[in-house]
Amino acid sequence: MTTIYEDLRDLFFNPRYSDLKIVCQDGTEFRVHCMVISLHSPILASMITESKDSHGQTILRIELPDVDFTTLYMMLQFFYGGDYNDYENVGSFHFPSYVIFMTPEQIDASLETLPCFRVGSTTENGSVDDDYDNTGEPDGSQNKNGDEGTGEAEESCLDVRNHNKGSQTQEPGGDENTDRDDRRDRTFQGHNLFDSLNVYCVASRFNISPLKLLARDRFYRTAEKVLMFSPNIIDEKEARWLTHDDQRIYRSKLAKAVFDDFPQAVRELYETVPESDTMMRAIPPMIIAAGYNSDEFRDSVKPLLEQYPDLVLAVVECMRMPHSGLWSEPSLADSEDGSIR
């Protein structure tokens, strides 16, 4: 059955009927539609300005000089597809996320509850963990909606970073069928810790609650992978999802990357997220408390704790709490040292 988001995705890739331009930090212009933008964010709609071009035609624009290209692109993907692609969730743009099916009341309640405390808190299927079945072979038989899959390659989030870099005016999605990347044969590129934080801040700023919840859940899902890191990981070859062993190496590289970037991500969070946003700011101390028995992790976050005394107090409070739900994944609970087996 055709959904409204399938029709909106067609508009995303075809700016023929666009009536609005959004300009991001580097001057790139996205041709979009007033109706779509207004439905998702009245705040953005209120920022629309009018001007005349050289032919006397009215031009509608929104200037966002402090929003980078990648963050704006992901926000627009959510507007038109109900989800967005990032390093860890390729192909998401083609399937509306779980937040789309929640009521406003459910979203508000979820934003007031930490992801690890939510009932049935499967924030979404993490592609790193779920692309393989129990036999260790790639499982392409079903997509995340439970339908039979075709095995076709899905759009890579990495295309966003290289999309017509030389052009100052571009269409939001370009060619839908170019530069696709099969997630079962994809080399390790990075994580979405910083992207999730940036999308969360923009969604909070423009009062886009569903996107805010999705980005916060993804930030948590990525941040908790820091607990999977082990200094004894063997990564003798490039991480690529081809076999079960290669997937293990992929996940190990992901955990190592998150481990390395976690302190800086927390710094950015504490600098950009206001103190009134207690739920988002509670995620780092809970993760630090959960992994504090690890010598390597404790040493890596020590400068962070020295910089933010409030974070120290929050970590201490988290240590006094009962089971937090951070150890919900079998790969963590079944491993004595928290490493991936």
C-alpha atoms as a PDB file:
ATOM      1  CA  MET A   1       0.000   0.000   0.000  1.00  0.00           C
ATOM      2  CA  THR A   2       1.300   3.420  -0.896  1.00  0.00           C
ATOM      3  CA  THR A   3       1.913   5.612   2.122  1.00  0.00           C
ATOM      4  CA  ILE A   4       2.041   9.376   2.303  1.00  0.00           C
ATOM      5  CA  TYR A   5       5.792   9.148   2.876  1.00  0.00           C
ATOM      6  CA  GLU A   6       6.287   7.304  -0.405  1.00  0.00           C
ATOM      7  CA  ASP A   7       4.649  10.252  -2.150  1.00  0.00           C
ATOM      8  CA  LEU A   8       6.689  12.734  -0.124  1.00  0.00           C
ATOM      9  CA  ARG A   9       9.918  10.918  -1.009  1.00  0.00           C
ATOM     10  CA  ASP A  10       9.069  11.425  -4.667  1.00  0.00           C
ATOM     11  CA  LEU A  11       8.779  15.154  -3.984  1.00  0.00           C
ATOM     12  CA  PHE A  12      12.110  15.106  -2.147  1.00  0.00           C
ATOM     13  CA  PHE A  13      13.838  13.798  -5.258  1.00  0.00           C
ATOM     14  CA  ASN A  14      11.864  16.016  -7.638  1.00  0.00           C
ATOM     15  CA  PRO A  15      11.979  19.747  -6.838  1.00  0.00           C
ATOM     16  CA  ARG A  16       9.798  20.669  -9.808  1.00  0.00           C
ATOM     17  CA  TYR A  17       6.969  21.848  -7.571  1.00  0.00           C
ATOM     18  CA  SER A  18       9.137  23.296  -4.800  1.00  0.00           C
ATOM     19  CA  ASP A  19       8.248  26.799  -3.625  1.00  0.00           C
ATOM     20  CA  LEU A  20      10.836  27.378  -0.893  1.00  0.00           C
ATOM     21  CA  LYS A  21      14.616  27.420  -0.554  1.00  0.00           C
ATOM     22  CA  ILE A  22      16.442  26.636   2.682  1.00  0.00           C
ATOM     23  CA  VAL A  23      20.046  27.842   2.848  1.00  0.00           C
ATOM     24  CA  CYS A  24      22.450  26.137   5.236  1.00  0.00           C
ATOM     25  CA  GLN A  25      25.813  27.072   6.732  1.00  0.00           C
ATOM     26  CA  ASP A  26      27.963  26.627   3.613  1.00  0.00           C
ATOM     27  CA  GLY A  27      25.500  28.459   1.337  1.00  0.00           C
ATOM     28  CA  THR A  28      23.985  25.332  -0.186  1.00  0.00           C
ATOM     29  CA  GLU A  29      20.328  25.800  -1.121  1.00  0.00           C
ATOM     30  CA  PHE A  30      17.756  23.039  -0.714  1.00  0.00           C
ATOM     31  CA  ARG A  31      14.608  23.352  -2.805  1.00  0.00           C
ATOM     32  CA  VAL A  32      11.694  22.200  -0.649  1.00  0.00           C
ATOM     33  CA  HIS A  33       7.980  22.763  -0.125  1.00  0.00           C
ATOM     34  CA  CYS A  34       6.329  25.229   2.245  1.00  0.00           C
ATOM     35  CA  MET A  35       3.520  22.862   3.133  1.00  0.00           C
ATOM     36  CA  VAL A  36       5.879  20.056   4.189  1.00  0.00           C
ATOM     37  CA  ILE A  37       8.070  22.382   6.237  1.00  0.00           C
ATOM     38  CA  SER A  38       5.088  24.076   7.898  1.00  0.00           C
ATOM     39  CA  LEU A  39       3.467  20.784   8.904  1.00  0.00           C
ATOM     40  CA  HIS A  40       6.599  19.627  10.690  1.00  0.00           C
ATOM     41  CA  SER A  41       7.724  22.899  12.237  1.00  0.00           C
ATOM     42  CA  PRO A  42       5.670  26.079  12.587  1.00  0.00           C
ATOM     43  CA  ILE A  43       8.845  27.689  13.930  1.00  0.00           C
ATOM     44  CA  LEU A  44      10.624  27.110  10.632  1.00  0.00           C
ATOM     45  CA  ALA A  45       7.538  28.326   8.796  1.00  0.00           C
ATOM     46  CA  SER A  46       7.668  31.575  10.764  1.00  0.00           C
ATOM     47  CA  MET A  47      11.237  32.131   9.544  1.00  0.00           C
ATOM     48  CA  ILE A  48      10.245  32.268   5.866  1.00  0.00           C
ATOM     49  CA  THR A  49      11.217  35.539   4.197  1.00  0.00           C
ATOM     50  CA  GLU A  50      10.177  36.929   0.837  1.00  0.00           C
ATOM     51  CA  SER A  51      12.329  38.664  -1.754  1.00  0.00           C
ATOM     52  CA  LYS A  52      12.273  39.380  -5.486  1.00  0.00           C
ATOM     53  CA  ASP A  53      14.620  37.951  -8.088  1.00  0.00           C
ATOM     54  CA  SER A  54      15.889  39.810 -11.159  1.00  0.00           C
ATOM     55  CA  HIS A  55      12.696  38.887 -13.023  1.00  0.00           C
ATOM     56  CA  GLY A  56      10.424  40.234 -10.321  1.00  0.00           C
ATOM     57  CA  GLN A  57       9.405  36.776  -9.144  1.00  0.00           C
ATOM     58  CA  THR A  58       8.798  36.238  -5.422  1.00  0.00           C
ATOM     59  CA  ILE A  59      11.376  34.022  -3.747  1.00  0.00           C
ATOM     60  CA  LEU A  60      10.685  32.322  -0.438  1.00  0.00           C
ATOM     61  CA  ARG A  61      13.742  31.523   1.667  1.00  0.00           C
ATOM     62  CA  ILE A  62      14.798  30.332   5.103  1.00  0.00           C
ATOM     63  CA  GLU A  63      18.345  31.201   6.156  1.00  0.00           C
ATOM     64  CA  LEU A  64      19.989  28.785   8.591  1.00  0.00           C
ATOM     65  CA  PRO A  65      23.605  30.010   8.778  1.00  0.00           C
ATOM     66  CA  ASP A  66      24.358  27.985  11.913  1.00  0.00           C
ATOM     67  CA  VAL A  67      23.046  24.631  10.636  1.00  0.00           C
ATOM     68  CA  ASP A  68      25.542  22.518   8.713  1.00  0.00           C
ATOM     69  CA  PHE A  69      24.793  20.704   5.472  1.00  0.00           C
ATOM     70  CA  THR A  70      24.640  17.180   6.903  1.00  0.00           C
ATOM     71  CA  THR A  71      22.324  18.074   9.779  1.00  0.00           C
ATOM     72  CA  LEU A  72      19.919  19.949   7.515  1.00  0.00           C
ATOM     73  CA  TYR A  73      19.934  17.122   4.995  1.00  0.00           C
ATOM     74  CA  MET A  74      19.020  14.590   7.704  1.00  0.00           C
ATOM     75  CA  MET A  75      16.247  16.835   9.012  1.00  0.00           C
ATOM     76  CA  LEU A  76      14.783  17.136   5.505  1.00  0.00           C
ATOM     77  CA  GLN A  77      15.038  13.381   5.019  1.00  0.00           C
ATOM     78  CA  PHE A  78      12.919  12.985   8.132  1.00  0.00           C
ATOM     79  CA  PHE A  79      10.374  15.526   6.855  1.00  0.00           C
ATOM     80  CA  TYR A  80       9.979  13.683   3.565  1.00  0.00           C
ATOM     81  CA  GLY A  81      10.595  10.075   4.592  1.00  0.00           C
ATOM     82  CA  GLY A  82       9.796   9.785   8.284  1.00  0.00           C
ATOM     83  CA  ASP A  83      13.398   8.739   8.998  1.00  0.00           C
ATOM     84  CA  TYR A  84      16.945   9.638   8.017  1.00  0.00           C
ATOM     85  CA  ASN A  85      20.158   7.886   7.029  1.00  0.00           C
ATOM     86  CA  ASP A  86      23.310   8.034   9.076  1.00  0.00           C
ATOM     87  CA  TYR A  87      26.441   5.916   9.452  1.00  0.00           C
ATOM     88  CA  GLU A  88      24.687   3.170  11.403  1.00  0.00           C
ATOM     89  CA  ASN A  89      21.208   3.250   9.847  1.00  0.00           C
ATOM     90  CA  VAL A  90      21.625   3.055   6.088  1.00  0.00           C
ATOM     91  CA  GLY A  91      18.447   2.713   4.066  1.00  0.00           C
ATOM     92  CA  SER A  92      16.369   4.207   6.870  1.00  0.00           C
ATOM     93  CA  PHE A  93      15.069   6.945   4.588  1.00  0.00           C
ATOM     94  CA  HIS A  94      13.027   4.342   2.710  1.00  0.00           C
ATOM     95  CA  PHE A  95      11.100   3.170   5.796  1.00  0.00           C
ATOM     96  CA  PRO A  96       9.282   5.504   8.218  1.00  0.00           C
ATOM     97  CA  SER A  97      10.697   5.191  11.726  1.00  0.00           C
ATOM     98  CA  TYR A  98       8.806   4.031  14.801  1.00  0.00           C
ATOM     99  CA  VAL A  99       8.273   7.631  16.022  1.00  0.00           C
ATOM    100  CA  ILE A 100       5.971   8.278  13.066  1.00  0.00           C
ATOM    101  CA  PHE A 101       3.486   5.777  14.482  1.00  0.00           C
ATOM    102  CA  MET A 102       3.454   7.292  17.974  1.00  0.00           C
ATOM    103  CA  THR A 103       0.890   9.792  19.193  1.00  0.00           C
ATOM    104  CA  PRO A 104       2.048  13.233  20.388  1.00  0.00           C
ATOM    105  CA  GLU A 105       1.253  12.144  23.938  1.00  0.00           C
ATOM    106  CA  GLN A 106       3.411   9.036  23.584  1.00  0.00           C
ATOM    107  CA  ILE A 107       6.281  11.071  22.180  1.00  0.00           C
ATOM    108  CA  ASP A 108       6.091  13.614  24.995  1.00  0.00           C
ATOM    109  CA  ALA A 109       6.024  10.819  27.581  1.00  0.00           C
ATOM    110  CA  SER A 110       8.999   9.112  25.938  1.00  0.00           C
ATOM    111  CA  LEU A 111      10.998  12.344  25.937  1.00  0.00           C
ATOM    112  CA  GLU A 112      10.456  12.505  29.695  1.00  0.00           C
ATOM    113  CA  THR A 113      11.845   8.981  30.131  1.00  0.00           C
ATOM    114  CA  LEU A 114      15.373   7.788  29.507  1.00  0.00           C
ATOM    115  CA  PRO A 115      15.659   5.263  26.636  1.00  0.00           C
ATOM    116  CA  CYS A 116      17.049   2.562  28.947  1.00  0.00           C
ATOM    117  CA  PHE A 117      14.045   2.904  31.277  1.00  0.00           C
ATOM    118  CA  ARG A 118      11.332   2.843  28.618  1.00  0.00           C
ATOM    119  CA  VAL A 119       9.146  -0.233  28.539  1.00  0.00           C
ATOM    120  CA  GLY A 120      10.218  -2.312  25.568  1.00  0.00           C
ATOM    121  CA  SER A 121      12.873   0.246  24.815  1.00  0.00           C
ATOM    122  CA  THR A 122      13.963  -1.097  21.464  1.00  0.00           C
ATOM    123  CA  THR A 123      14.627   2.296  19.999  1.00  0.00           C
ATOM    124  CA  GLU A 124      14.948   0.757  16.552  1.00  0.00           C
ATOM    125  CA  ASN A 125      16.653  -2.083  14.792  1.00  0.00           C
ATOM    126  CA  GLY A 126      20.369  -1.323  14.891  1.00  0.00           C
ATOM    127  CA  SER A 127      21.752  -2.406  11.529  1.00  0.00           C
ATOM    128  CA  VAL A 128      25.102  -3.328  13.058  1.00  0.00           C
ATOM    129  CA  ASP A 129      23.471  -5.881  15.345  1.00  0.00           C
ATOM    130  CA  ASP A 130      20.574  -7.138  13.260  1.00  0.00           C
ATOM    131  CA  ASP A 131      21.847  -7.731   9.735  1.00  0.00           C
ATOM    132  CA  TYR A 132      22.916 -11.269  10.581  1.00  0.00           C
ATOM    133  CA  ASP A 133      20.808 -14.168  11.726  1.00  0.00           C
ATOM    134  CA  ASN A 134      21.823 -16.744  14.314  1.00  0.00           C
ATOM    135  CA  THR A 135      23.721 -18.801  11.748  1.00  0.00           C
ATOM    136  CA  GLY A 136      26.155 -15.983  11.094  1.00  0.00           C
ATOM    137  CA  GLU A 137      24.967 -15.476   7.525  1.00  0.00           C
ATOM    138  CA  PRO A 138      23.590 -12.188   6.184  1.00  0.00           C
ATOM    139  CA  ASP A 139      19.841 -12.145   6.683  1.00  0.00           C
ATOM    140  CA  GLY A 140      18.275 -10.309   3.778  1.00  0.00           C
ATOM    141  CA  SER A 141      14.974 -12.130   3.899  1.00  0.00           C
ATOM    142  CA  GLN A 142      13.083  -9.463   5.799  1.00  0.00           C
ATOM    143  CA  ASN A 143      13.209  -5.731   6.131  1.00  0.00           C
ATOM    144  CA  LYS A 144      12.490  -3.880   9.337  1.00  0.00           C
ATOM    145  CA  ASN A 145       8.780  -3.754   8.517  1.00  0.00           C
ATOM    146  CA  GLY A 146       8.604  -7.538   8.403  1.00  0.00           C
ATOM    147  CA  ASP A 147       8.045  -7.707   4.636  1.00  0.00           C
ATOM    148  CA  GLU A 148       9.997  -9.985   2.357  1.00  0.00           C
ATOM    149  CA  GLY A 149      13.100  -8.228   1.155  1.00  0.00           C
ATOM    150  CA  THR A 150      14.536  -8.171  -2.334  1.00  0.00           C
ATOM    151  CA  GLY A 151      18.189  -8.006  -1.387  1.00  0.00           C
ATOM    152  CA  GLU A 152      18.565  -4.754  -3.280  1.00  0.00           C
ATOM    153  CA  ALA A 153      21.215  -2.324  -2.143  1.00  0.00           C
ATOM    154  CA  GLU A 154      20.030   0.498   0.039  1.00  0.00           C
ATOM    155  CA  GLU A 155      20.951   4.153  -0.178  1.00  0.00           C
ATOM    156  CA  SER A 156      24.111   4.982   1.724  1.00  0.00           C
ATOM    157  CA  CYS A 157      24.130   7.769   4.257  1.00  0.00           C
ATOM    158  CA  LEU A 158      27.666   8.551   3.145  1.00  0.00           C
ATOM    159  CA  ASP A 159      26.356   9.974  -0.123  1.00  0.00           C
ATOM    160  CA  VAL A 160      25.184  12.947   1.924  1.00  0.00           C
ATOM    161  CA  ARG A 161      28.742  14.038   2.639  1.00  0.00           C
ATOM    162  CA  ASN A 162      29.747  14.028  -1.031  1.00  0.00           C
ATOM    163  CA  HIS A 163      26.531  15.153  -2.686  1.00  0.00           C
ATOM    164  CA  ASN A 164      27.385  17.690  -5.438  1.00  0.00           C
ATOM    165  CA  LYS A 165      30.005  19.404  -3.325  1.00  0.00           C
ATOM    166  CA  GLY A 166      30.910  21.773  -6.112  1.00  0.00           C
ATOM    167  CA  SER A 167      27.397  23.156  -6.515  1.00  0.00           C
ATOM    168  CA  GLN A 168      25.976  25.987  -4.466  1.00  0.00           C
ATOM    169  CA  THR A 169      22.410  25.161  -5.491  1.00  0.00           C
ATOM    170  CA  GLN A 170      21.320  21.553  -5.413  1.00  0.00           C
ATOM    171  CA  GLU A 171      18.328  19.326  -5.227  1.00  0.00           C
ATOM    172  CA  PRO A 172      17.790  17.625  -1.876  1.00  0.00           C
ATOM    173  CA  GLY A 173      18.221  14.034  -2.865  1.00  0.00           C
ATOM    174  CA  GLY A 174      19.829  13.934  -6.291  1.00  0.00           C
ATOM    175  CA  ASP A 175      19.418  10.693  -8.204  1.00  0.00           C
ATOM    176  CA  GLU A 176      17.706   8.141  -5.998  1.00  0.00           C
ATOM    177  CA  ASN A 177      19.432   5.209  -7.663  1.00  0.00           C
ATOM    178  CA  THR A 178      23.064   6.390  -7.748  1.00  0.00           C
ATOM    179  CA  ASP A 179      25.969   5.487  -5.488  1.00  0.00           C
ATOM    180  CA  ARG A 180      24.052   2.944  -3.476  1.00  0.00           C
ATOM    181  CA  ASP A 181      25.828   0.750  -0.995  1.00  0.00           C
ATOM    182  CA  ASP A 182      24.751  -2.718   0.139  1.00  0.00           C
ATOM    183  CA  ARG A 183      24.827  -2.708   3.927  1.00  0.00           C
ATOM    184  CA  ARG A 184      25.848  -6.377   3.908  1.00  0.00           C
ATOM    185  CA  ASP A 185      29.007  -5.432   1.974  1.00  0.00           C
ATOM    186  CA  ARG A 186      29.899  -2.078   3.514  1.00  0.00           C
ATOM    187  CA  THR A 187      33.227  -1.012   4.934  1.00  0.00           C
ATOM    188  CA  PHE A 188      33.422   0.688   8.290  1.00  0.00           C
ATOM    189  CA  GLN A 189      33.224   4.477   7.974  1.00  0.00           C
ATOM    190  CA  GLY A 190      32.344   5.778  11.408  1.00  0.00           C
ATOM    191  CA  HIS A 191      29.530   6.243  13.893  1.00  0.00           C
ATOM    192  CA  ASN A 192      26.624   8.666  14.222  1.00  0.00           C
ATOM    193  CA  LEU A 193      27.334  10.000  17.716  1.00  0.00           C
ATOM    194  CA  PHE A 194      27.960  13.590  16.648  1.00  0.00           C
ATOM    195  CA  ASP A 195      25.319  13.529  13.906  1.00  0.00           C
ATOM    196  CA  SER A 196      22.691  12.324  16.375  1.00  0.00           C
ATOM    197  CA  LEU A 197      23.607  15.112  18.782  1.00  0.00           C
ATOM    198  CA  ASN A 198      23.445  17.757  16.033  1.00  0.00           C
ATOM    199  CA  VAL A 199      20.096  16.504  14.753  1.00  0.00           C
ATOM    200  CA  TYR A 200      18.759  16.416  18.306  1.00  0.00           C
ATOM    201  CA  CYS A 201      19.780  20.032  18.928  1.00  0.00           C
ATOM    202  CA  VAL A 202      18.195  21.234  15.689  1.00  0.00           C
ATOM    203  CA  ALA A 203      14.996  19.266  16.350  1.00  0.00           C
ATOM    204  CA  SER A 204      14.833  20.736  19.856  1.00  0.00           C
ATOM    205  CA  ARG A 205      15.429  24.233  18.546  1.00  0.00           C
ATOM    206  CA  PHE A 206      12.625  23.999  15.989  1.00  0.00           C
ATOM    207  CA  ASN A 207      10.293  21.998  18.257  1.00  0.00           C
ATOM    208  CA  ILE A 208      10.173  18.871  16.085  1.00  0.00           C
ATOM    209  CA  SER A 209       9.368  16.391  18.838  1.00  0.00           C
ATOM    210  CA  PRO A 210       9.327  13.127  16.800  1.00  0.00           C
ATOM    211  CA  LEU A 211      12.728  13.894  15.284  1.00  0.00           C
ATOM    212  CA  LYS A 212      14.016  14.953  18.701  1.00  0.00           C
ATOM    213  CA  LEU A 213      13.029  11.586  20.177  1.00  0.00           C
ATOM    214  CA  LEU A 214      14.500   9.634  17.264  1.00  0.00           C
ATOM    215  CA  ALA A 215      17.819  11.502  17.413  1.00  0.00           C
ATOM    216  CA  ARG A 216      18.050  11.135  21.192  1.00  0.00           C
ATOM    217  CA  ASP A 217      17.404   7.403  20.990  1.00  0.00           C
ATOM    218  CA  ARG A 218      20.055   7.042  18.312  1.00  0.00           C
ATOM    219  CA  PHE A 219      22.541   9.027  20.369  1.00  0.00           C
ATOM    220  CA  TYR A 220      21.919   6.652  23.263  1.00  0.00           C
ATOM    221  CA  ARG A 221      22.153   3.556  21.066  1.00  0.00           C
ATOM    222  CA  THR A 222      25.529   4.705  19.761  1.00  0.00           C
ATOM    223  CA  ALA A 223      26.883   6.025  23.049  1.00  0.00           C
ATOM    224  CA  GLU A 224      26.229   2.767  24.885  1.00  0.00           C
ATOM    225  CA  LYS A 225      28.480   0.971  22.378  1.00  0.00           C
ATOM    226  CA  VAL A 226      31.388   2.539  24.263  1.00  0.00           C
ATOM    227  CA  LEU A 227      30.744  -0.190  26.855  1.00  0.00           C
ATOM    228  CA  MET A 228      31.547  -2.842  24.244  1.00  0.00           C
ATOM    229  CA  PHE A 229      35.114  -1.648  23.795  1.00  0.00           C
ATOM    230  CA  SER A 230      37.942  -3.977  24.773  1.00  0.00           C
ATOM    231  CA  PRO A 231      41.649  -3.151  24.292  1.00  0.00           C
ATOM    232  CA  ASN A 232      42.236  -6.803  23.363  1.00  0.00           C
ATOM    233  CA  ILE A 233      40.150  -6.619  20.192  1.00  0.00           C
ATOM    234  CA  ILE A 234      41.888  -8.128  17.179  1.00  0.00           C
ATOM    235  CA  ASP A 235      41.310  -6.144  13.989  1.00  0.00           C
ATOM    236  CA  GLU A 236      43.897  -7.480  11.611  1.00  0.00           C
ATOM    237  CA  LYS A 237      41.846  -6.755   8.524  1.00  0.00           C
ATOM    238  CA  GLU A 238      39.449  -4.171   7.218  1.00  0.00           C
ATOM    239  CA  ALA A 239      35.982  -4.324   8.729  1.00  0.00           C
ATOM    240  CA  ARG A 240      33.431  -5.363   6.126  1.00  0.00           C
ATOM    241  CA  TRP A 241      30.091  -7.107   6.535  1.00  0.00           C
ATOM    242  CA  LEU A 242      30.571 -10.311   4.592  1.00  0.00           C
ATOM    243  CA  THR A 243      30.833 -13.073   7.159  1.00  0.00           C
ATOM    244  CA  HIS A 244      30.062 -13.408  10.838  1.00  0.00           C
ATOM    245  CA  ASP A 245      33.745 -12.930  11.738  1.00  0.00           C
ATOM    246  CA  ASP A 246      33.965  -9.791   9.636  1.00  0.00           C
ATOM    247  CA  GLN A 247      30.838  -8.440  11.289  1.00  0.00           C
ATOM    248  CA  ARG A 248      32.489  -8.976  14.662  1.00  0.00           C
ATOM    249  CA  ILE A 249      35.465  -6.939  13.473  1.00  0.00           C
ATOM    250  CA  TYR A 250      33.093  -4.271  12.165  1.00  0.00           C
ATOM    251  CA  ARG A 251      31.394  -4.007  15.536  1.00  0.00           C
ATOM    252  CA  SER A 252      34.751  -3.916  17.276  1.00  0.00           C
ATOM    253  CA  LYS A 253      35.881  -1.011  15.120  1.00  0.00           C
ATOM    254  CA  LEU A 254      32.615   0.758  15.854  1.00  0.00           C
ATOM    255  CA  ALA A 255      33.082   0.294  19.607  1.00  0.00           C
ATOM    256  CA  LYS A 256      36.671   1.562  19.364  1.00  0.00           C
ATOM    257  CA  ALA A 257      35.593   4.649  17.389  1.00  0.00           C
ATOM    258  CA  VAL A 258      32.849   5.452  19.895  1.00  0.00           C
ATOM    259  CA  PHE A 259      35.297   4.891  22.763  1.00  0.00           C
ATOM    260  CA  ASP A 260      37.742   7.385  21.229  1.00  0.00           C
ATOM    261  CA  ASP A 261      35.112  10.035  20.500  1.00  0.00           C
ATOM    262  CA  PHE A 262      32.892   9.639  23.554  1.00  0.00           C
ATOM    263  CA  PRO A 263      34.632  12.314  25.735  1.00  0.00           C
ATOM    264  CA  GLN A 264      34.462  14.940  22.998  1.00  0.00           C
ATOM    265  CA  ALA A 265      30.834  14.076  22.240  1.00  0.00           C
ATOM    266  CA  VAL A 266      29.957  14.551  25.915  1.00  0.00           C
ATOM    267  CA  ARG A 267      31.749  17.916  25.902  1.00  0.00           C
ATOM    268  CA  GLU A 268      29.720  19.016  22.900  1.00  0.00           C
ATOM    269  CA  LEU A 269      26.545  17.806  24.574  1.00  0.00           C
ATOM    270  CA  TYR A 270      27.254  19.765  27.748  1.00  0.00           C
ATOM    271  CA  GLU A 271      28.090  22.872  25.707  1.00  0.00           C
ATOM    272  CA  THR A 272      25.063  22.729  23.404  1.00  0.00           C
ATOM    273  CA  VAL A 273      22.241  21.105  25.386  1.00  0.00           C
ATOM    274  CA  PRO A 274      20.778  23.434  28.068  1.00  0.00           C
ATOM    275  CA  GLU A 275      20.749  22.377  31.706  1.00  0.00           C
ATOM    276  CA  SER A 276      16.956  22.330  31.620  1.00  0.00           C
ATOM    277  CA  ASP A 277      17.096  19.352  29.228  1.00  0.00           C
ATOM    278  CA  THR A 278      17.710  16.890  32.039  1.00  0.00           C
ATOM    279  CA  MET A 279      16.881  13.719  30.101  1.00  0.00           C
ATOM    280  CA  MET A 280      19.465  14.234  27.358  1.00  0.00           C
ATOM    281  CA  ARG A 281      22.113  15.371  29.810  1.00  0.00           C
ATOM    282  CA  ALA A 282      21.449  12.286  31.965  1.00  0.00           C
ATOM    283  CA  ILE A 283      22.603   9.854  29.290  1.00  0.00           C
ATOM    284  CA  PRO A 284      26.408  10.394  29.639  1.00  0.00           C
ATOM    285  CA  PRO A 285      26.551   9.954  33.436  1.00  0.00           C
ATOM    286  CA  MET A 286      24.520   6.743  33.248  1.00  0.00           C
ATOM    287  CA  ILE A 287      26.885   5.311  30.644  1.00  0.00           C
ATOM    288  CA  ILE A 288      29.961   6.461  32.577  1.00  0.00           C
ATOM    289  CA  ALA A 289      28.609   4.877  35.753  1.00  0.00           C
ATOM    290  CA  ALA A 290      27.913   1.604  33.918  1.00  0.00           C
ATOM    291  CA  GLY A 291      31.454   1.376  32.542  1.00  0.00           C
ATOM    292  CA  TYR A 292      33.406   2.910  35.406  1.00  0.00           C
ATOM    293  CA  ASN A 293      34.885  -0.426  36.541  1.00  0.00           C
ATOM    294  CA  SER A 294      36.858  -0.591  33.293  1.00  0.00           C
ATOM    295  CA  ASP A 295      40.349   0.879  33.794  1.00  0.00           C
ATOM    296  CA  GLU A 296      40.623   2.016  30.170  1.00  0.00           C
ATOM    297  CA  PHE A 297      37.217   3.674  30.192  1.00  0.00           C
ATOM    298  CA  ARG A 298      37.797   5.337  33.556  1.00  0.00           C
ATOM    299  CA  ASP A 299      41.105   6.775  32.351  1.00  0.00           C
ATOM    300  CA  SER A 300      39.518   8.076  29.148  1.00  0.00           C
ATOM    301  CA  VAL A 301      36.737   9.973  30.953  1.00  0.00           C
ATOM    302  CA  LYS A 302      38.843  11.262  33.862  1.00  0.00           C
ATOM    303  CA  PRO A 303      39.671  14.605  32.126  1.00  0.00           C
ATOM    304  CA  LEU A 304      35.979  14.947  31.345  1.00  0.00           C
ATOM    305  CA  LEU A 305      35.009  14.503  34.984  1.00  0.00           C
ATOM    306  CA  GLU A 306      37.636  17.031  36.050  1.00  0.00           C
ATOM    307  CA  GLN A 307      36.204  19.548  33.602  1.00  0.00           C
ATOM    308  CA  TYR A 308      32.551  19.127  34.639  1.00  0.00           C
ATOM    309  CA  PRO A 309      32.017  18.751  38.405  1.00  0.00           C
ATOM    310  CA  ASP A 310      28.266  18.469  37.867  1.00  0.00           C
ATOM    311  CA  LEU A 311      28.918  15.397  35.746  1.00  0.00           C
ATOM    312  CA  VAL A 312      30.789  13.807  38.661  1.00  0.00           C
ATOM    313  CA  LEU A 313      27.792  14.286  40.934  1.00  0.00           C
ATOM    314  CA  ALA A 314      25.477  12.835  38.296  1.00  0.00           C
ATOM    315  CA  VAL A 315      27.723   9.793  37.856  1.00  0.00           C
ATOM    316  CA  VAL A 316      27.755   9.195  41.625  1.00  0.00           C
ATOM    317  CA  GLU A 317      23.953   9.384  41.721  1.00  0.00           C
ATOM    318  CA  CYS A 318      23.730   6.892  38.855  1.00  0.00           C
ATOM    319  CA  MET A 319      26.010   4.495  40.713  1.00  0.00           C
ATOM    320  CA  ARG A 320      23.510   4.472  43.554  1.00  0.00           C
ATOM    321  CA  MET A 321      20.663   3.487  41.235  1.00  0.00           C
ATOM    322  CA  PRO A 322      19.512  -0.108  40.693  1.00  0.00           C
ATOM    323  CA  HIS A 323      19.876  -1.944  37.398  1.00  0.00           C
ATOM    324  CA  SER A 324      19.750   0.727  34.702  1.00  0.00           C
ATOM    325  CA  GLY A 325      18.937  -1.417  31.686  1.00  0.00           C
ATOM    326  CA  LEU A 326      22.196  -0.498  29.962  1.00  0.00           C
ATOM    327  CA  TRP A 327      23.213  -4.149  29.938  1.00  0.00           C
ATOM    328  CA  SER A 328      20.179  -5.313  28.015  1.00  0.00           C
ATOM    329  CA  GLU A 329      22.110  -6.645  25.015  1.00  0.00           C
ATOM    330  CA  PRO A 330      23.236 -10.300  25.305  1.00  0.00           C
ATOM    331  CA  SER A 331      26.663  -9.480  23.850  1.00  0.00           C
ATOM    332  CA  LEU A 332      27.356  -7.347  26.907  1.00  0.00           C
ATOM    333  CA  ALA A 333      25.618  -9.377  29.593  1.00  0.00           C
ATOM    334  CA  ASP A 334      27.237 -12.644  28.523  1.00  0.00           C
ATOM    335  CA  SER A 335      30.791 -11.304  28.382  1.00  0.00           C
ATOM    336  CA  GLU A 336      32.749 -11.040  31.592  1.00  0.00           C
ATOM    337  CA  ASP A 337      34.876  -8.107  30.438  1.00  0.00           C
ATOM    338  CA  GLY A 338      32.201  -6.421  28.312  1.00  0.00           C
ATOM    339  CA  SER A 339      33.985  -7.229  25.059  1.00  0.00           C
ATOM    340  CA  ILE A 340      32.302  -8.539  21.934  1.00  0.00           C
ATOM    341  CA  ARG A 341      32.548 -12.269  21.493  1.00  0.00           C
END
